[in-house]
Amino acid sequence: MKIEIAIIGCGRIGSVHARAITETLPMVDLVLADVEPSRAIDLANRVGAHAVDTPDIWDRPNLRAVAICSSTTTHVEYICAAAEAGVAVFCEKPVSLDLDEVDRAVRAVTDSDIPFMVGFHKRFDPTHQATKEAVVDGRVGDVHLLRISTRDPQPPPLDYIAVSGGIFLDMTIHDFDMARFLVDSPVQEVFARGAVLIDPQIEQAGDFDTAVVWMRHESGAMTVIDNSRQAAYGHDQRVEVFGSEGMVTSENHHDHAAVILDAEGSHGAVVPHHFLERYESAYRHEWTAFWSYLNDGGPSPVSIEDGRAPVALAVAAGESARTRTPIALEGVR
């Protein structure tokens, strides 16, 4: 029989990973589970997998790994269950909205020594990886400034915002991870400001829809992140690393590079309007990396510590935005 990988949680992100696994890892059998069994059955029919009840996952003799794609509040419980069963874990971000809970997951993973990877998919985008390689190869010299822009085409539903942990834990958390990935130096200070410029109901939900974060790294480098919940022109994702010897940028993707010139100006293709259009290949590369990690060993492509640090930075950013003061950190690695 084939080795099995199970997905717990068959909503939007679980569906993304199900497609990535079936397209990338035909050598494994995919098993799906959800608190709503009908959702698992429906997804199984669409991707050629089979659905099971969640409690039955841990007793499957050929189970090699579990992908935790359920609601964030359930992540740590499933991580601990997988650790007890000795099953490898791929966990969607964030590990938890609560740092104490993240630390419980850290202990479970460390004590059991199971393979563990966090799903920060942007690391596996070919353009962002090329940016990282330019930094590692010294093409930009010593990193002085990192700029990250992340702007979504429209805000998520208000009922999602109410449980998401807020913009810093839901949206900026990817940028915190990218800052650590690209600068490779601990963060010592965070200063964040937020505003509600799009929808007053977001403020009533206790969140921001527009935010800017400044961070100082141990190396002296600085990172500036800007976020918006609504970009009229599409899914805006850009990175710029500036250093002593040069600069490298990761620009928005377009369907094509043709430019039309006419009496009204120049016109090109719009940027994607959905994160899957921008990062579809990143999810496939992510699963290729996880499979290699499972079989070849070595360090995790995105470790449990890599999962903890962006949560700590998001919590600090939230505190800074509320108090309007910088927050000193003891070098979040």
Protein backbone atom coordinates (compact mmCIF):
# COMPACT_ATOMS: atom_id res chain seq x y z
CA MET A 1 0.00 0.00 0.00
CA LYS A 2 1.06 3.59 -0.61
CA ILE A 3 2.19 5.88 2.18
CA GLU A 4 -0.60 8.19 3.33
CA ILE A 5 -0.72 11.91 4.00
CA ALA A 6 -3.84 13.18 5.78
CA ILE A 7 -5.33 16.66 5.66
CA ILE A 8 -7.37 17.80 8.66
CA GLY A 9 -9.61 20.68 7.61
CA CYS A 10 -11.14 20.76 4.13
CA GLY A 11 -12.04 24.42 3.79
CA ARG A 12 -10.39 26.87 1.40
CA ILE A 13 -6.77 26.32 2.43
CA GLY A 14 -7.27 22.57 2.87
CA SER A 15 -8.54 22.43 -0.70
CA VAL A 16 -5.46 24.32 -1.89
CA HIS A 17 -3.15 21.81 -0.22
CA ALA A 18 -5.19 18.83 -1.44
CA ARG A 19 -4.71 19.95 -5.04
CA ALA A 20 -1.01 20.66 -4.48
CA ILE A 21 -0.43 17.20 -2.97
CA THR A 22 -2.30 15.30 -5.67
CA GLU A 23 -0.46 17.25 -8.40
CA THR A 24 2.98 17.04 -6.78
CA LEU A 25 3.07 13.74 -4.86
CA PRO A 26 1.33 11.05 -6.90
CA MET A 27 3.26 8.44 -4.92
CA VAL A 28 1.11 9.00 -1.80
CA ASP A 29 -2.51 8.31 -0.93
CA LEU A 30 -4.37 11.38 0.29
CA VAL A 31 -6.77 11.06 3.21
CA LEU A 32 -9.16 13.89 4.15
CA ALA A 33 -10.99 14.69 7.39
CA ASP A 34 -13.09 17.59 8.60
CA VAL A 35 -15.37 18.40 11.53
CA GLU A 36 -18.06 18.55 8.86
CA PRO A 37 -17.70 15.11 7.21
CA SER A 38 -19.63 16.19 4.11
CA ARG A 39 -16.97 18.77 3.35
CA ALA A 40 -14.26 16.09 3.42
CA ILE A 41 -16.34 13.80 1.22
CA ASP A 42 -16.97 16.57 -1.31
CA LEU A 43 -13.27 17.49 -1.54
CA ALA A 44 -12.28 13.81 -1.74
CA ASN A 45 -14.56 13.38 -4.75
CA ARG A 46 -13.03 16.40 -6.43
CA VAL A 47 -9.35 15.45 -6.00
CA GLY A 48 -9.52 11.65 -6.05
CA ALA A 49 -8.82 11.10 -2.34
CA HIS A 50 -10.85 9.34 0.34
CA ALA A 51 -12.53 10.78 3.43
CA VAL A 52 -12.35 9.46 7.00
CA ASP A 53 -13.50 10.57 10.43
CA THR A 54 -10.91 12.73 12.18
CA PRO A 55 -10.44 10.48 15.27
CA ASP A 56 -9.64 7.53 12.98
CA ILE A 57 -6.65 9.24 11.38
CA TRP A 58 -4.16 8.38 14.10
CA ASP A 59 -4.77 4.62 13.86
CA ARG A 60 -3.98 4.32 10.15
CA PRO A 61 -0.87 2.10 9.80
CA ASN A 62 0.42 3.76 6.60
CA LEU A 63 0.00 7.36 7.80
CA ARG A 64 3.29 9.23 7.32
CA ALA A 65 2.25 12.84 7.85
CA VAL A 66 -0.71 15.07 8.62
CA ALA A 67 -1.40 18.53 7.20
CA ILE A 68 -3.23 20.66 9.76
CA CYS A 69 -5.45 23.04 7.80
CA SER A 70 -8.27 23.38 10.31
CA SER A 71 -9.23 26.53 12.24
CA THR A 72 -6.29 28.13 14.04
CA THR A 73 -7.73 27.43 17.50
CA THR A 74 -7.41 23.67 16.84
CA HIS A 75 -3.83 23.63 15.56
CA VAL A 76 -2.02 22.96 18.83
CA GLU A 77 -4.32 20.12 19.86
CA TYR A 78 -3.74 18.38 16.54
CA ILE A 79 0.01 19.02 16.76
CA CYS A 80 0.09 17.40 20.20
CA ALA A 81 -1.98 14.44 18.95
CA ALA A 82 0.39 13.95 16.02
CA ALA A 83 3.41 14.17 18.33
CA GLU A 84 1.91 11.50 20.58
CA ALA A 85 1.27 9.28 17.54
CA GLY A 86 4.75 9.91 16.12
CA VAL A 87 3.35 11.38 12.89
CA ALA A 88 5.07 14.16 10.94
CA VAL A 89 3.26 17.51 10.78
CA PHE A 90 2.75 20.19 8.18
CA CYS A 91 0.88 23.02 9.92
CA GLU A 92 -0.75 26.02 8.32
CA LYS A 93 0.07 29.43 9.77
CA PRO A 94 -0.20 30.66 12.40
CA VAL A 95 0.60 27.84 14.79
CA SER A 96 -1.66 29.62 17.28
CA LEU A 97 -2.87 33.12 18.09
CA ASP A 98 -1.57 32.68 21.65
CA LEU A 99 2.16 32.53 22.41
CA ASP A 100 1.68 30.20 25.39
CA GLU A 101 -0.11 27.78 23.09
CA VAL A 102 2.66 28.10 20.51
CA ASP A 103 5.16 27.21 23.23
CA ARG A 104 3.09 24.13 24.09
CA ALA A 105 3.38 23.07 20.47
CA VAL A 106 7.13 23.78 20.53
CA ARG A 107 7.52 21.46 23.53
CA ALA A 108 5.44 18.71 21.91
CA VAL A 109 7.43 18.84 18.68
CA THR A 110 10.79 19.07 20.45
CA ASP A 111 10.07 16.26 22.93
CA SER A 112 8.74 13.88 20.27
CA ASP A 113 11.30 14.87 17.62
CA ILE A 114 8.71 14.50 14.86
CA PRO A 115 9.38 16.19 11.50
CA PHE A 116 7.54 19.50 11.54
CA MET A 117 7.07 22.29 9.01
CA VAL A 118 5.02 25.49 9.04
CA GLY A 119 3.16 26.49 5.86
CA PHE A 120 4.68 29.87 5.07
CA HIS A 121 4.20 29.37 1.34
CA LYS A 122 5.74 32.68 0.23
CA ARG A 123 9.20 31.32 0.97
CA PHE A 124 8.66 28.83 -1.87
CA ASP A 125 7.58 31.31 -4.52
CA PRO A 126 10.27 31.19 -7.26
CA THR A 127 10.57 34.99 -7.42
CA HIS A 128 10.96 35.36 -3.66
CA GLN A 129 13.44 32.46 -3.64
CA ALA A 130 15.51 34.18 -6.32
CA THR A 131 15.49 37.28 -4.13
CA LYS A 132 16.76 35.21 -1.19
CA GLU A 133 19.49 33.66 -3.34
CA ALA A 134 20.70 37.12 -4.41
CA VAL A 135 21.01 38.09 -0.75
CA VAL A 136 22.77 34.86 0.25
CA ASP A 137 25.16 35.12 -2.72
CA GLY A 138 26.16 38.61 -1.60
CA ARG A 139 24.84 40.34 -4.71
CA VAL A 140 23.38 43.19 -2.63
CA GLY A 141 26.16 43.25 -0.03
CA ASP A 142 25.20 43.93 3.57
CA VAL A 143 21.43 44.33 3.87
CA HIS A 144 20.47 47.84 4.97
CA LEU A 145 16.75 48.12 4.15
CA LEU A 146 13.96 45.67 3.43
CA ARG A 147 10.62 46.92 2.10
CA ILE A 148 7.58 44.65 1.86
CA SER A 149 4.18 45.61 0.46
CA THR A 150 1.23 43.25 0.89
CA ARG A 151 -2.17 44.50 -0.19
CA ASP A 152 -5.21 42.30 -0.74
CA PRO A 153 -7.84 43.01 -3.41
CA GLN A 154 -10.66 43.12 -0.86
CA PRO A 155 -11.16 42.62 2.89
CA PRO A 156 -12.14 39.19 4.18
CA PRO A 157 -15.65 38.69 5.62
CA LEU A 158 -16.26 40.39 8.96
CA ASP A 159 -17.02 37.10 10.67
CA TYR A 160 -13.54 35.91 9.64
CA ILE A 161 -11.88 39.11 10.88
CA ALA A 162 -13.56 38.58 14.27
CA VAL A 163 -11.70 35.27 14.79
CA SER A 164 -8.52 35.88 12.78
CA GLY A 165 -6.51 37.53 15.54
CA GLY A 166 -6.35 40.80 13.61
CA ILE A 167 -4.37 42.08 10.66
CA PHE A 168 -0.95 41.49 12.22
CA LEU A 169 -1.61 37.81 13.04
CA ASP A 170 -3.63 37.12 9.91
CA MET A 171 -1.97 39.14 7.15
CA THR A 172 1.29 40.74 8.27
CA ILE A 173 2.44 37.44 9.77
CA HIS A 174 3.57 36.37 6.28
CA ASP A 175 5.62 39.55 6.02
CA PHE A 176 7.19 38.99 9.42
CA ASP A 177 8.29 35.59 8.17
CA MET A 178 9.63 37.07 4.93
CA ALA A 179 11.62 39.65 6.90
CA ARG A 180 13.28 36.89 8.93
CA PHE A 181 13.79 34.82 5.78
CA LEU A 182 15.46 37.62 3.81
CA VAL A 183 17.37 39.61 6.45
CA ASP A 184 18.39 36.58 8.53
CA SER A 185 18.99 38.68 11.64
CA PRO A 186 16.98 38.74 14.89
CA VAL A 187 14.43 41.53 15.32
CA GLN A 188 15.13 43.76 18.33
CA GLU A 189 12.44 46.44 18.05
CA VAL A 190 8.99 46.79 16.49
CA PHE A 191 6.89 49.91 15.94
CA ALA A 192 3.47 49.60 14.30
CA ARG A 193 0.60 51.92 13.47
CA GLY A 194 -2.82 50.93 12.19
CA ALA A 195 -5.82 52.75 10.73
CA VAL A 196 -9.32 52.04 9.47
CA LEU A 197 -9.66 53.67 6.07
CA ILE A 198 -11.77 51.12 4.18
CA ASP A 199 -14.66 49.82 6.30
CA PRO A 200 -15.80 51.25 9.68
CA GLN A 201 -17.16 47.83 10.61
CA ILE A 202 -13.58 46.54 10.74
CA GLU A 203 -12.89 49.05 13.51
CA GLN A 204 -16.01 47.85 15.32
CA ALA A 205 -14.54 44.34 15.12
CA GLY A 206 -11.43 45.66 16.89
CA ASP A 207 -9.10 45.52 13.91
CA PHE A 208 -7.31 47.70 11.36
CA ASP A 209 -7.56 47.54 7.58
CA THR A 210 -4.40 49.54 6.88
CA ALA A 211 -1.09 49.17 8.71
CA VAL A 212 2.60 50.05 8.63
CA VAL A 213 5.29 48.24 10.63
CA TRP A 214 8.89 49.30 11.19
CA MET A 215 11.44 46.82 12.61
CA ARG A 216 15.08 47.08 13.62
CA HIS A 217 17.22 43.96 13.29
CA GLU A 218 20.25 43.00 15.38
CA SER A 219 22.47 43.57 12.34
CA GLY A 220 21.30 47.20 12.18
CA ALA A 221 19.17 46.57 9.09
CA MET A 222 15.64 47.98 9.07
CA THR A 223 12.44 46.50 7.65
CA VAL A 224 9.37 48.50 6.65
CA ILE A 225 6.10 46.65 5.92
CA ASP A 226 2.92 48.21 4.57
CA ASN A 227 -0.42 46.40 4.42
CA SER A 228 -3.87 47.19 3.09
CA ARG A 229 -7.00 45.06 3.06
CA GLN A 230 -8.13 46.60 -0.25
CA ALA A 231 -6.11 47.33 -3.37
CA ALA A 232 -8.40 48.32 -6.25
CA TYR A 233 -5.96 46.95 -8.84
CA GLY A 234 -5.50 43.41 -7.46
CA HIS A 235 -3.28 41.29 -5.22
CA ASP A 236 -0.22 43.51 -4.65
CA GLN A 237 2.86 41.59 -3.45
CA ARG A 238 6.27 43.30 -3.70
CA VAL A 239 9.61 42.97 -1.92
CA GLU A 240 12.75 45.11 -2.19
CA VAL A 241 16.08 44.34 -0.49
CA PHE A 242 18.56 47.24 -0.56
CA GLY A 243 22.16 46.75 0.52
CA SER A 244 25.68 48.12 0.41
CA GLU A 245 26.37 46.68 -3.06
CA GLY A 246 23.02 46.86 -4.79
CA MET A 247 19.34 46.00 -4.69
CA VAL A 248 17.09 43.08 -5.57
CA THR A 249 13.33 43.28 -6.05
CA SER A 250 10.49 40.79 -6.27
CA GLU A 251 7.74 42.41 -8.29
CA ASN A 252 4.09 41.62 -8.94
CA HIS A 253 3.29 38.90 -11.45
CA HIS A 254 1.27 39.62 -14.58
CA ASP A 255 -0.44 37.33 -17.07
CA HIS A 256 1.82 38.69 -19.81
CA ALA A 257 4.44 41.38 -20.38
CA ALA A 258 2.85 43.06 -23.41
CA VAL A 259 2.32 46.82 -23.17
CA ILE A 260 -0.18 48.67 -25.38
CA LEU A 261 0.58 52.30 -26.20
CA ASP A 262 -2.22 54.53 -27.44
CA ALA A 263 -3.47 58.12 -27.17
CA GLU A 264 -4.57 57.55 -23.60
CA GLY A 265 -1.22 56.21 -22.39
CA SER A 266 0.38 52.81 -21.85
CA HIS A 267 -1.57 49.75 -20.70
CA GLY A 268 -0.43 46.35 -19.48
CA ALA A 269 -1.94 43.27 -17.88
CA VAL A 270 -3.50 43.63 -14.44
CA VAL A 271 -1.98 41.90 -11.41
CA PRO A 272 -3.72 38.76 -10.08
CA HIS A 273 -6.91 39.25 -8.08
CA HIS A 274 -6.52 36.11 -5.95
CA PHE A 275 -3.62 34.81 -3.88
CA LEU A 276 -3.81 31.45 -5.66
CA GLU A 277 -3.11 33.09 -9.00
CA ARG A 278 0.04 34.58 -7.49
CA TYR A 279 1.21 31.64 -5.41
CA GLU A 280 -0.13 28.50 -7.09
CA SER A 281 3.36 27.22 -7.90
CA ALA A 282 4.59 28.12 -4.39
CA TYR A 283 2.21 25.59 -2.84
CA ARG A 284 3.51 22.85 -5.13
CA HIS A 285 7.13 23.76 -4.34
CA GLU A 286 6.24 23.80 -0.66
CA TRP A 287 5.04 20.19 -0.79
CA THR A 288 8.07 19.10 -2.79
CA ALA A 289 10.24 20.58 -0.05
CA PHE A 290 8.21 18.87 2.69
CA TRP A 291 8.43 15.49 0.95
CA SER A 292 12.21 15.83 0.54
CA TYR A 293 12.49 16.76 4.21
CA LEU A 294 10.48 13.69 5.23
CA ASN A 295 12.62 11.34 3.18
CA ASP A 296 16.07 12.91 3.33
CA GLY A 297 16.04 14.41 6.83
CA GLY A 298 18.04 17.48 7.74
CA PRO A 299 16.66 20.74 9.09
CA SER A 300 13.03 21.64 8.57
CA PRO A 301 12.43 24.02 5.63
CA VAL A 302 10.29 26.08 8.03
CA SER A 303 10.79 24.91 11.60
CA ILE A 304 8.59 25.20 14.69
CA GLU A 305 10.88 28.07 15.78
CA ASP A 306 10.19 29.73 12.43
CA GLY A 307 6.52 29.33 13.30
CA ARG A 308 6.90 30.90 16.73
CA ALA A 309 8.86 34.02 15.80
CA PRO A 310 6.26 35.65 13.47
CA VAL A 311 3.58 35.14 16.13
CA ALA A 312 5.79 36.90 18.67
CA LEU A 313 6.36 39.75 16.21
CA ALA A 314 2.64 39.99 15.43
CA VAL A 315 1.79 40.17 19.14
CA ALA A 316 4.42 42.90 19.60
CA ALA A 317 3.08 44.82 16.59
CA GLY A 318 -0.44 44.64 17.98
CA GLU A 319 0.73 45.98 21.32
CA SER A 320 2.72 48.74 19.61
CA ALA A 321 -0.27 49.80 17.49
CA ARG A 322 -2.52 49.92 20.55
CA THR A 323 -0.07 51.84 22.73
CA ARG A 324 1.51 53.84 19.89
CA THR A 325 4.96 53.08 21.28
CA PRO A 326 7.92 50.99 20.04
CA ILE A 327 8.24 47.53 21.58
CA ALA A 328 11.71 46.26 22.47
CA LEU A 329 12.31 42.55 21.94
CA GLU A 330 15.09 40.24 23.02
CA GLY A 331 16.16 39.32 19.49
CA VAL A 332 13.27 37.31 18.04
CA ARG A 333 15.03 34.77 15.85
